[in-house]
Amino acid sequence: MSRKYKFTDNDKLYFVSFAVINWIDLFIRNEYKEVVVKSLEYCQREKGLELYGWCIMTSHVHLLIGSVKDPMQNIMRDLKRHTSEELHKAIQKNNIESRKEWMLWMMERAGKKNSNNINFQLWQQHNHPIEIINNEMAHQKLQYIHYNPVTAGFVAKPEDWLFSSAIDYYNGKGLLQIIKLDLLVV
């Protein structure tokens, strides 16, 4: 893997994206998105995750993050592992999930193809962290994160997407505590 796709400096901010295997639209149900939200809250509280921007799309997650405690590669590893296990359980228990058997089969199939997994795989292996080198880049990535649901045609305005930090940047209160970029000098 290229060096540009690794966390190299824990004192820097990073733009990170990670997706469900085969880009499955898992997050069309709020209960699945809430698993990710709760896990992010835990990482903020217990692992020192700093969250500057975030968005959960139907098949992937975007984050603009830093850390004041644990190494970011450890936070991302633990976040993906925990959410993978919790989402797998949630899918198994969901009796109204019409795609249940298919999704579980896809995860099992992906897990068997990857020696890093035992029984299943929910997330694609990579995170593709991109180091933020200046304020311009930070704001560009934040705009990309917030406009993702608009570009996809889900909402007309970024602040209307519930599972995003956009509302926080429009003087509202979102689901997660964030550090606003306008208060930050990179």
N, C-alpha and C. Protein backbone atom coordinates (compact mmCIF):
# COMPACT_ATOMS: atom_id res chain seq x y z
N MET A 1 0.85 -1.18 0.00
CA MET A 1 0.00 0.00 0.00
C MET A 1 0.89 1.24 0.00
N SER A 2 0.52 2.26 -0.72
CA SER A 2 1.27 3.48 -0.81
C SER A 2 1.32 4.20 0.53
N ARG A 3 2.42 4.88 0.78
CA ARG A 3 2.60 5.62 2.02
C ARG A 3 1.56 6.74 2.17
N LYS A 4 1.09 7.29 1.08
CA LYS A 4 0.12 8.38 1.17
C LYS A 4 -1.22 7.89 1.71
N TYR A 5 -1.41 6.61 1.84
CA TYR A 5 -2.65 6.09 2.38
C TYR A 5 -2.48 5.52 3.78
N LYS A 6 -1.60 6.13 4.56
CA LYS A 6 -1.40 5.71 5.94
C LYS A 6 -1.42 6.94 6.84
N PHE A 7 -1.77 6.73 8.09
CA PHE A 7 -1.65 7.80 9.07
C PHE A 7 -0.17 7.93 9.41
N THR A 8 0.43 9.06 9.12
CA THR A 8 1.86 9.22 9.35
C THR A 8 2.16 10.13 10.53
N ASP A 9 1.22 11.00 10.92
CA ASP A 9 1.46 11.96 11.99
C ASP A 9 0.18 12.14 12.80
N ASN A 10 0.20 11.68 14.02
CA ASN A 10 -1.00 11.72 14.86
C ASN A 10 -1.39 13.15 15.26
N ASP A 11 -0.52 14.11 15.03
CA ASP A 11 -0.82 15.51 15.35
C ASP A 11 -1.52 16.24 14.21
N LYS A 12 -1.71 15.57 13.11
CA LYS A 12 -2.36 16.18 11.94
C LYS A 12 -3.82 15.76 11.86
N LEU A 13 -4.57 16.49 11.03
CA LEU A 13 -5.95 16.10 10.71
C LEU A 13 -5.93 15.25 9.46
N TYR A 14 -6.94 14.37 9.36
CA TYR A 14 -7.05 13.49 8.19
C TYR A 14 -8.48 13.42 7.69
N PHE A 15 -8.60 13.33 6.38
CA PHE A 15 -9.85 13.01 5.72
C PHE A 15 -9.83 11.51 5.49
N VAL A 16 -10.87 10.82 5.96
CA VAL A 16 -10.94 9.37 5.87
C VAL A 16 -12.29 8.97 5.28
N SER A 17 -12.27 8.01 4.38
CA SER A 17 -13.49 7.42 3.83
C SER A 17 -13.37 5.92 3.93
N PHE A 18 -14.45 5.27 4.31
CA PHE A 18 -14.47 3.81 4.28
C PHE A 18 -15.86 3.35 3.88
N ALA A 19 -15.89 2.24 3.16
CA ALA A 19 -17.12 1.78 2.52
C ALA A 19 -17.44 0.34 2.88
N VAL A 20 -18.71 0.02 2.78
CA VAL A 20 -19.20 -1.34 2.96
C VAL A 20 -18.72 -2.17 1.76
N ILE A 21 -18.43 -3.44 2.00
CA ILE A 21 -18.00 -4.31 0.92
C ILE A 21 -18.98 -4.23 -0.25
N ASN A 22 -18.43 -4.25 -1.44
CA ASN A 22 -19.22 -4.18 -2.68
C ASN A 22 -20.15 -2.96 -2.74
N TRP A 23 -19.84 -1.97 -1.95
CA TRP A 23 -20.63 -0.74 -1.90
C TRP A 23 -22.12 -1.00 -1.64
N ILE A 24 -22.40 -1.99 -0.80
CA ILE A 24 -23.79 -2.32 -0.45
C ILE A 24 -24.42 -1.13 0.27
N ASP A 25 -25.62 -0.77 -0.12
CA ASP A 25 -26.36 0.32 0.53
C ASP A 25 -26.93 -0.15 1.86
N LEU A 26 -26.06 -0.35 2.82
CA LEU A 26 -26.46 -0.81 4.15
C LEU A 26 -27.18 0.27 4.93
N PHE A 27 -26.72 1.51 4.81
CA PHE A 27 -27.20 2.58 5.68
C PHE A 27 -28.44 3.30 5.16
N ILE A 28 -29.37 2.52 4.60
CA ILE A 28 -30.66 3.11 4.24
C ILE A 28 -31.60 3.06 5.45
N ARG A 29 -31.21 2.33 6.47
CA ARG A 29 -31.98 2.25 7.72
C ARG A 29 -31.26 3.04 8.80
N ASN A 30 -32.01 3.91 9.49
CA ASN A 30 -31.42 4.74 10.54
C ASN A 30 -30.82 3.91 11.66
N GLU A 31 -31.40 2.77 11.98
CA GLU A 31 -30.87 1.95 13.08
C GLU A 31 -29.43 1.50 12.80
N TYR A 32 -29.08 1.31 11.54
CA TYR A 32 -27.72 0.94 11.20
C TYR A 32 -26.79 2.16 11.30
N LYS A 33 -27.29 3.32 10.85
CA LYS A 33 -26.50 4.54 10.97
C LYS A 33 -26.24 4.88 12.43
N GLU A 34 -27.21 4.61 13.30
CA GLU A 34 -27.05 4.91 14.72
C GLU A 34 -25.95 4.08 15.37
N VAL A 35 -25.70 2.89 14.85
CA VAL A 35 -24.58 2.07 15.35
C VAL A 35 -23.27 2.82 15.13
N VAL A 36 -23.11 3.41 13.97
CA VAL A 36 -21.89 4.16 13.65
C VAL A 36 -21.81 5.41 14.53
N VAL A 37 -22.92 6.12 14.70
CA VAL A 37 -22.94 7.32 15.53
C VAL A 37 -22.52 6.99 16.96
N LYS A 38 -23.09 5.95 17.53
CA LYS A 38 -22.74 5.57 18.91
C LYS A 38 -21.27 5.17 19.02
N SER A 39 -20.75 4.52 18.02
CA SER A 39 -19.34 4.13 18.02
C SER A 39 -18.43 5.34 17.92
N LEU A 40 -18.81 6.31 17.11
CA LEU A 40 -18.03 7.54 17.02
C LEU A 40 -18.04 8.29 18.35
N GLU A 41 -19.21 8.34 18.99
CA GLU A 41 -19.31 8.97 20.33
C GLU A 41 -18.37 8.29 21.32
N TYR A 42 -18.34 6.98 21.31
CA TYR A 42 -17.47 6.23 22.20
C TYR A 42 -16.00 6.57 21.93
N CYS A 43 -15.63 6.60 20.67
CA CYS A 43 -14.25 6.91 20.31
C CYS A 43 -13.88 8.33 20.72
N GLN A 44 -14.81 9.25 20.64
CA GLN A 44 -14.55 10.62 21.10
C GLN A 44 -14.31 10.63 22.62
N ARG A 45 -15.17 9.96 23.33
CA ARG A 45 -15.14 9.96 24.80
C ARG A 45 -13.96 9.18 25.35
N GLU A 46 -13.68 8.00 24.80
CA GLU A 46 -12.71 7.08 25.39
C GLU A 46 -11.35 7.03 24.70
N LYS A 47 -11.29 7.42 23.43
CA LYS A 47 -10.04 7.23 22.68
C LYS A 47 -9.41 8.54 22.21
N GLY A 48 -10.08 9.66 22.49
CA GLY A 48 -9.52 10.95 22.10
C GLY A 48 -9.76 11.35 20.66
N LEU A 49 -10.74 10.72 20.00
CA LEU A 49 -11.06 11.08 18.63
C LEU A 49 -11.60 12.51 18.59
N GLU A 50 -11.01 13.32 17.73
CA GLU A 50 -11.52 14.66 17.46
C GLU A 50 -12.26 14.61 16.13
N LEU A 51 -13.48 15.07 16.14
CA LEU A 51 -14.32 15.01 14.95
C LEU A 51 -14.59 16.43 14.46
N TYR A 52 -14.15 16.72 13.24
CA TYR A 52 -14.31 18.05 12.65
C TYR A 52 -15.43 18.05 11.61
N GLY A 53 -15.68 16.91 11.04
CA GLY A 53 -16.74 16.76 10.06
C GLY A 53 -17.01 15.29 9.83
N TRP A 54 -18.26 14.98 9.50
CA TRP A 54 -18.61 13.58 9.27
C TRP A 54 -19.89 13.50 8.45
N CYS A 55 -20.07 12.37 7.80
CA CYS A 55 -21.29 12.10 7.05
C CYS A 55 -21.40 10.60 6.82
N ILE A 56 -22.56 10.06 7.11
CA ILE A 56 -22.84 8.66 6.81
C ILE A 56 -23.75 8.64 5.58
N MET A 57 -23.23 8.08 4.51
CA MET A 57 -24.00 7.91 3.28
C MET A 57 -24.60 6.50 3.28
N THR A 58 -25.25 6.11 2.22
CA THR A 58 -25.92 4.80 2.20
C THR A 58 -24.94 3.63 2.19
N SER A 59 -23.75 3.83 1.63
CA SER A 59 -22.80 2.72 1.52
C SER A 59 -21.42 3.04 2.09
N HIS A 60 -21.23 4.25 2.58
CA HIS A 60 -19.91 4.63 3.06
C HIS A 60 -19.99 5.76 4.08
N VAL A 61 -18.84 6.00 4.70
CA VAL A 61 -18.72 7.02 5.74
C VAL A 61 -17.54 7.93 5.40
N HIS A 62 -17.72 9.23 5.61
CA HIS A 62 -16.64 10.21 5.46
C HIS A 62 -16.39 10.85 6.81
N LEU A 63 -15.12 11.02 7.17
CA LEU A 63 -14.76 11.67 8.42
C LEU A 63 -13.62 12.65 8.17
N LEU A 64 -13.64 13.74 8.91
CA LEU A 64 -12.51 14.65 9.02
C LEU A 64 -12.12 14.60 10.48
N ILE A 65 -10.96 14.01 10.78
CA ILE A 65 -10.64 13.64 12.16
C ILE A 65 -9.22 14.01 12.58
N GLY A 66 -9.07 14.03 13.89
CA GLY A 66 -7.77 14.16 14.54
C GLY A 66 -7.83 13.32 15.80
N SER A 67 -6.74 13.33 16.57
CA SER A 67 -6.72 12.58 17.82
C SER A 67 -5.85 13.30 18.84
N VAL A 68 -6.30 13.28 20.08
CA VAL A 68 -5.52 13.85 21.18
C VAL A 68 -5.05 12.76 22.13
N LYS A 69 -5.32 11.51 21.78
CA LYS A 69 -4.96 10.42 22.68
C LYS A 69 -4.42 9.23 21.89
N ASP A 70 -5.27 8.29 21.55
CA ASP A 70 -4.85 7.07 20.86
C ASP A 70 -4.39 7.38 19.42
N PRO A 71 -3.48 6.57 18.89
CA PRO A 71 -3.10 6.72 17.48
C PRO A 71 -4.33 6.53 16.58
N MET A 72 -4.41 7.35 15.55
CA MET A 72 -5.59 7.30 14.68
C MET A 72 -5.76 5.96 13.99
N GLN A 73 -4.66 5.29 13.63
CA GLN A 73 -4.82 3.98 13.00
C GLN A 73 -5.48 2.99 13.96
N ASN A 74 -5.20 3.12 15.26
CA ASN A 74 -5.84 2.24 16.25
C ASN A 74 -7.32 2.59 16.42
N ILE A 75 -7.62 3.88 16.42
CA ILE A 75 -9.01 4.30 16.53
C ILE A 75 -9.81 3.77 15.35
N MET A 76 -9.28 3.95 14.14
CA MET A 76 -9.99 3.49 12.94
C MET A 76 -10.13 1.97 12.94
N ARG A 77 -9.09 1.27 13.32
CA ARG A 77 -9.15 -0.20 13.38
C ARG A 77 -10.25 -0.64 14.35
N ASP A 78 -10.25 -0.06 15.55
CA ASP A 78 -11.24 -0.43 16.56
C ASP A 78 -12.65 -0.02 16.17
N LEU A 79 -12.78 1.17 15.57
CA LEU A 79 -14.09 1.65 15.12
C LEU A 79 -14.67 0.71 14.07
N LYS A 80 -13.86 0.34 13.09
CA LYS A 80 -14.34 -0.53 12.03
C LYS A 80 -14.64 -1.93 12.55
N ARG A 81 -13.80 -2.43 13.44
CA ARG A 81 -14.03 -3.77 14.00
C ARG A 81 -15.34 -3.79 14.80
N HIS A 82 -15.49 -2.81 15.70
CA HIS A 82 -16.68 -2.78 16.55
C HIS A 82 -17.96 -2.59 15.73
N THR A 83 -17.95 -1.61 14.82
CA THR A 83 -19.16 -1.37 14.03
C THR A 83 -19.47 -2.57 13.14
N SER A 84 -18.45 -3.23 12.64
CA SER A 84 -18.65 -4.42 11.82
C SER A 84 -19.41 -5.49 12.61
N GLU A 85 -18.95 -5.75 13.82
CA GLU A 85 -19.59 -6.77 14.66
C GLU A 85 -21.02 -6.36 15.04
N GLU A 86 -21.19 -5.10 15.44
CA GLU A 86 -22.51 -4.63 15.87
C GLU A 86 -23.49 -4.58 14.70
N LEU A 87 -23.04 -4.14 13.55
CA LEU A 87 -23.92 -4.10 12.38
C LEU A 87 -24.28 -5.50 11.91
N HIS A 88 -23.33 -6.42 11.98
CA HIS A 88 -23.61 -7.82 11.62
C HIS A 88 -24.72 -8.37 12.51
N LYS A 89 -24.62 -8.11 13.82
CA LYS A 89 -25.66 -8.56 14.76
C LYS A 89 -27.00 -7.89 14.47
N ALA A 90 -26.96 -6.58 14.18
CA ALA A 90 -28.19 -5.84 13.91
C ALA A 90 -28.90 -6.38 12.67
N ILE A 91 -28.14 -6.72 11.65
CA ILE A 91 -28.73 -7.28 10.43
C ILE A 91 -29.35 -8.64 10.74
N GLN A 92 -28.63 -9.46 11.49
CA GLN A 92 -29.13 -10.79 11.84
C GLN A 92 -30.45 -10.71 12.62
N LYS A 93 -30.58 -9.72 13.50
CA LYS A 93 -31.76 -9.60 14.36
C LYS A 93 -32.92 -8.88 13.69
N ASN A 94 -32.65 -8.20 12.58
CA ASN A 94 -33.67 -7.38 11.94
C ASN A 94 -34.63 -8.24 11.13
N ASN A 95 -35.82 -8.45 11.66
CA ASN A 95 -36.81 -9.31 10.99
C ASN A 95 -37.53 -8.64 9.84
N ILE A 96 -37.37 -7.32 9.70
CA ILE A 96 -38.02 -6.64 8.58
C ILE A 96 -37.02 -6.28 7.47
N GLU A 97 -35.78 -6.72 7.63
CA GLU A 97 -34.76 -6.45 6.63
C GLU A 97 -34.95 -7.39 5.44
N SER A 98 -35.45 -6.85 4.33
CA SER A 98 -35.75 -7.67 3.16
C SER A 98 -34.48 -8.21 2.49
N ARG A 99 -33.35 -7.57 2.72
CA ARG A 99 -32.11 -7.97 2.08
C ARG A 99 -31.21 -8.75 3.03
N LYS A 100 -31.75 -9.17 4.14
CA LYS A 100 -30.99 -9.80 5.21
C LYS A 100 -30.12 -10.97 4.74
N GLU A 101 -30.71 -11.97 4.14
CA GLU A 101 -29.97 -13.16 3.73
C GLU A 101 -28.90 -12.81 2.69
N TRP A 102 -29.26 -11.95 1.77
CA TRP A 102 -28.32 -11.55 0.73
C TRP A 102 -27.12 -10.81 1.32
N MET A 103 -27.38 -9.84 2.21
CA MET A 103 -26.29 -9.08 2.82
C MET A 103 -25.39 -9.98 3.66
N LEU A 104 -25.99 -10.86 4.45
CA LEU A 104 -25.18 -11.78 5.27
C LEU A 104 -24.36 -12.71 4.39
N TRP A 105 -24.92 -13.17 3.30
CA TRP A 105 -24.20 -14.02 2.36
C TRP A 105 -23.03 -13.25 1.73
N MET A 106 -23.25 -12.01 1.35
CA MET A 106 -22.19 -11.19 0.75
C MET A 106 -21.05 -10.96 1.75
N MET A 107 -21.40 -10.72 3.02
CA MET A 107 -20.39 -10.51 4.05
C MET A 107 -19.60 -11.79 4.33
N GLU A 108 -20.30 -12.91 4.37
CA GLU A 108 -19.64 -14.19 4.59
C GLU A 108 -18.69 -14.51 3.42
N ARG A 109 -19.17 -14.28 2.23
CA ARG A 109 -18.36 -14.52 1.03
C ARG A 109 -17.11 -13.65 1.02
N ALA A 110 -17.26 -12.37 1.35
CA ALA A 110 -16.12 -11.45 1.39
C ALA A 110 -15.14 -11.87 2.49
N GLY A 111 -15.66 -12.32 3.62
CA GLY A 111 -14.81 -12.76 4.73
C GLY A 111 -13.98 -13.96 4.37
N LYS A 112 -14.56 -14.90 3.62
CA LYS A 112 -13.82 -16.10 3.22
C LYS A 112 -12.70 -15.78 2.24
N LYS A 113 -12.87 -14.70 1.47
CA LYS A 113 -11.86 -14.32 0.49
C LYS A 113 -10.71 -13.53 1.11
N ASN A 114 -10.89 -13.09 2.35
CA ASN A 114 -9.91 -12.22 2.98
C ASN A 114 -9.33 -12.92 4.22
N SER A 115 -8.06 -13.17 4.22
CA SER A 115 -7.43 -13.91 5.33
C SER A 115 -7.40 -13.11 6.63
N ASN A 116 -7.70 -11.82 6.59
CA ASN A 116 -7.74 -10.99 7.80
C ASN A 116 -9.03 -11.20 8.60
N ASN A 117 -9.98 -11.93 8.05
CA ASN A 117 -11.28 -12.13 8.69
C ASN A 117 -11.49 -13.59 9.02
N ILE A 118 -12.41 -13.82 9.96
CA ILE A 118 -12.71 -15.19 10.36
C ILE A 118 -14.00 -15.66 9.69
N ASN A 119 -15.11 -14.98 9.97
CA ASN A 119 -16.40 -15.45 9.47
C ASN A 119 -17.07 -14.53 8.45
N PHE A 120 -16.77 -13.25 8.53
CA PHE A 120 -17.44 -12.31 7.63
C PHE A 120 -16.62 -11.04 7.52
N GLN A 121 -16.95 -10.21 6.54
CA GLN A 121 -16.34 -8.90 6.37
C GLN A 121 -17.43 -7.92 6.02
N LEU A 122 -17.52 -6.82 6.74
CA LEU A 122 -18.51 -5.80 6.46
C LEU A 122 -17.88 -4.61 5.73
N TRP A 123 -16.75 -4.12 6.23
CA TRP A 123 -16.09 -2.96 5.64
C TRP A 123 -15.02 -3.39 4.65
N GLN A 124 -14.83 -2.60 3.63
CA GLN A 124 -13.67 -2.77 2.77
C GLN A 124 -12.42 -2.52 3.62
N GLN A 125 -11.30 -3.11 3.24
CA GLN A 125 -10.09 -3.08 4.06
C GLN A 125 -9.50 -1.69 4.25
N HIS A 126 -9.53 -0.86 3.26
CA HIS A 126 -8.80 0.41 3.34
C HIS A 126 -9.62 1.55 3.92
N ASN A 127 -8.91 2.57 4.40
CA ASN A 127 -9.52 3.81 4.89
C ASN A 127 -9.15 4.99 3.99
N HIS A 128 -8.03 4.86 3.30
CA HIS A 128 -7.46 5.92 2.48
C HIS A 128 -7.38 7.25 3.22
N PRO A 129 -6.68 7.29 4.36
CA PRO A 129 -6.53 8.57 5.07
C PRO A 129 -5.69 9.54 4.25
N ILE A 130 -6.17 10.76 4.13
CA ILE A 130 -5.45 11.80 3.42
C ILE A 130 -5.12 12.90 4.42
N GLU A 131 -3.84 13.17 4.60
CA GLU A 131 -3.40 14.19 5.55
C GLU A 131 -3.82 15.58 5.06
N ILE A 132 -4.38 16.34 5.97
CA ILE A 132 -4.79 17.71 5.68
C ILE A 132 -3.57 18.60 5.86
N ILE A 133 -3.17 19.28 4.79
CA ILE A 133 -1.93 20.05 4.85
C ILE A 133 -2.12 21.55 5.08
N ASN A 134 -3.36 22.06 4.88
CA ASN A 134 -3.61 23.48 5.13
C ASN A 134 -5.11 23.71 5.30
N ASN A 135 -5.47 24.94 5.69
CA ASN A 135 -6.87 25.28 5.92
C ASN A 135 -7.71 25.15 4.66
N GLU A 136 -7.16 25.53 3.53
CA GLU A 136 -7.90 25.43 2.27
C GLU A 136 -8.31 23.98 1.99
N MET A 137 -7.39 23.08 2.17
CA MET A 137 -7.68 21.66 1.96
C MET A 137 -8.71 21.16 2.97
N ALA A 138 -8.58 21.58 4.22
CA ALA A 138 -9.53 21.16 5.26
C ALA A 138 -10.95 21.60 4.89
N HIS A 139 -11.08 22.85 4.45
CA HIS A 139 -12.41 23.35 4.09
C HIS A 139 -12.94 22.69 2.83
N GLN A 140 -12.06 22.37 1.89
CA GLN A 140 -12.47 21.67 0.67
C GLN A 140 -13.02 20.29 1.02
N LYS A 141 -12.32 19.55 1.89
CA LYS A 141 -12.77 18.22 2.28
C LYS A 141 -14.07 18.30 3.07
N LEU A 142 -14.18 19.30 3.94
CA LEU A 142 -15.41 19.47 4.71
C LEU A 142 -16.59 19.75 3.78
N GLN A 143 -16.38 20.60 2.78
CA GLN A 143 -17.46 20.87 1.82
C GLN A 143 -17.83 19.61 1.05
N TYR A 144 -16.83 18.83 0.66
CA TYR A 144 -17.10 17.56 -0.03
C TYR A 144 -17.95 16.64 0.85
N ILE A 145 -17.58 16.52 2.12
CA ILE A 145 -18.32 15.68 3.06
C ILE A 145 -19.78 16.13 3.15
N HIS A 146 -19.97 17.43 3.35
CA HIS A 146 -21.32 17.95 3.57
C HIS A 146 -22.18 17.95 2.31
N TYR A 147 -21.58 18.10 1.15
CA TYR A 147 -22.36 18.13 -0.09
C TYR A 147 -22.58 16.74 -0.69
N ASN A 148 -22.00 15.71 -0.10
CA ASN A 148 -22.18 14.35 -0.61
C ASN A 148 -23.67 13.97 -0.71
N PRO A 149 -24.49 14.18 0.33
CA PRO A 149 -25.91 13.84 0.23
C PRO A 149 -26.67 14.72 -0.77
N VAL A 150 -26.21 15.95 -0.98
CA VAL A 150 -26.84 16.84 -1.96
C VAL A 150 -26.53 16.34 -3.36
N THR A 151 -25.27 16.03 -3.60
CA THR A 151 -24.84 15.51 -4.90
C THR A 151 -25.55 14.21 -5.24
N ALA A 152 -25.79 13.38 -4.21
CA ALA A 152 -26.49 12.11 -4.43
C ALA A 152 -27.99 12.29 -4.63
N GLY A 153 -28.49 13.50 -4.40
CA GLY A 153 -29.91 13.78 -4.60
C GLY A 153 -30.80 13.43 -3.43
N PHE A 154 -30.22 13.20 -2.25
CA PHE A 154 -31.01 12.84 -1.07
C PHE A 154 -31.65 14.04 -0.40
N VAL A 155 -30.96 15.19 -0.44
CA VAL A 155 -31.47 16.42 0.17
C VAL A 155 -31.11 17.59 -0.74
N ALA A 156 -31.81 18.71 -0.54
CA ALA A 156 -31.52 19.92 -1.33
C ALA A 156 -30.41 20.75 -0.69
N LYS A 157 -30.30 20.68 0.64
CA LYS A 157 -29.31 21.48 1.36
C LYS A 157 -28.52 20.56 2.30
N PRO A 158 -27.23 20.78 2.44
CA PRO A 158 -26.40 19.92 3.29
C PRO A 158 -26.92 19.79 4.72
N GLU A 159 -27.39 20.87 5.27
CA GLU A 159 -27.85 20.86 6.67
C GLU A 159 -29.11 20.04 6.89
N ASP A 160 -29.75 19.59 5.83
CA ASP A 160 -30.96 18.76 5.96
C ASP A 160 -30.64 17.27 6.13
N TRP A 161 -29.38 16.88 5.95
CA TRP A 161 -28.99 15.47 6.11
C TRP A 161 -28.70 15.23 7.58
N LEU A 162 -29.54 14.44 8.23
CA LEU A 162 -29.45 14.22 9.67
C LEU A 162 -28.12 13.60 10.11
N PHE A 163 -27.62 12.67 9.34
CA PHE A 163 -26.42 11.93 9.74
C PHE A 163 -25.17 12.58 9.15
N SER A 164 -24.95 13.81 9.55
CA SER A 164 -23.84 14.63 9.06
C SER A 164 -23.57 15.76 10.04
N SER A 165 -22.39 16.34 9.94
CA SER A 165 -22.05 17.50 10.76
C SER A 165 -22.46 18.82 10.11
N ALA A 166 -23.06 18.78 8.92
CA ALA A 166 -23.40 20.01 8.21
C ALA A 166 -24.26 20.94 9.06
N ILE A 167 -25.23 20.42 9.76
CA ILE A 167 -26.12 21.26 10.58
C ILE A 167 -25.32 22.07 11.60
N ASP A 168 -24.25 21.51 12.13
CA ASP A 168 -23.41 22.22 13.10
C ASP A 168 -22.76 23.46 12.48
N TYR A 169 -22.46 23.39 11.21
CA TYR A 169 -21.84 24.51 10.52
C TYR A 169 -22.88 25.52 10.04
N TYR A 170 -24.15 25.23 10.22
CA TYR A 170 -25.24 26.15 9.88
C TYR A 170 -25.96 26.58 11.14
N ASN A 171 -25.22 26.64 12.25
CA ASN A 171 -25.70 27.13 13.55
C ASN A 171 -26.79 26.27 14.17
N GLY A 172 -26.85 25.02 13.82
CA GLY A 172 -27.75 24.07 14.47
C GLY A 172 -26.95 23.13 15.35
N LYS A 173 -27.61 22.11 15.85
CA LYS A 173 -26.95 21.11 16.70
C LYS A 173 -27.16 19.75 16.07
N GLY A 174 -26.07 19.11 15.72
CA GLY A 174 -26.11 17.79 15.11
C GLY A 174 -26.10 16.68 16.14
N LEU A 175 -25.98 15.45 15.66
CA LEU A 175 -26.03 14.27 16.52
C LEU A 175 -24.74 14.04 17.30
N LEU A 176 -23.62 14.55 16.80
CA LEU A 176 -22.33 14.34 17.44
C LEU A 176 -21.66 15.68 17.76
N GLN A 177 -20.87 15.68 18.79
CA GLN A 177 -20.08 16.86 19.15
C GLN A 177 -18.95 17.00 18.14
N ILE A 178 -18.78 18.19 17.60
CA ILE A 178 -17.69 18.42 16.65
C ILE A 178 -16.86 19.62 17.08
N ILE A 179 -15.70 19.73 16.47
CA ILE A 179 -14.85 20.91 16.60
C ILE A 179 -14.96 21.63 15.27
N LYS A 180 -15.48 22.85 15.28
CA LYS A 180 -15.67 23.57 14.02
C LYS A 180 -14.34 24.02 13.44
N LEU A 181 -14.20 23.85 12.14
CA LEU A 181 -12.97 24.22 11.44
C LEU A 181 -12.68 25.71 11.50
N ASP A 182 -13.70 26.56 11.55
CA ASP A 182 -13.43 28.00 11.55
C ASP A 182 -12.73 28.43 12.84
N LEU A 183 -12.68 27.56 13.84
CA LEU A 183 -11.98 27.86 15.08
C LEU A 183 -10.58 27.25 15.07
N LEU A 184 -10.18 26.71 13.94
CA LEU A 184 -8.96 25.92 13.86
C LEU A 184 -7.99 26.51 12.86
N VAL A 185 -6.74 26.47 13.21
CA VAL A 185 -5.68 26.81 12.26
C VAL A 185 -4.85 25.54 12.05
N VAL A 186 -4.82 25.04 10.82
CA VAL A 186 -4.08 23.80 10.52
C VAL A 186 -2.62 24.15 10.31
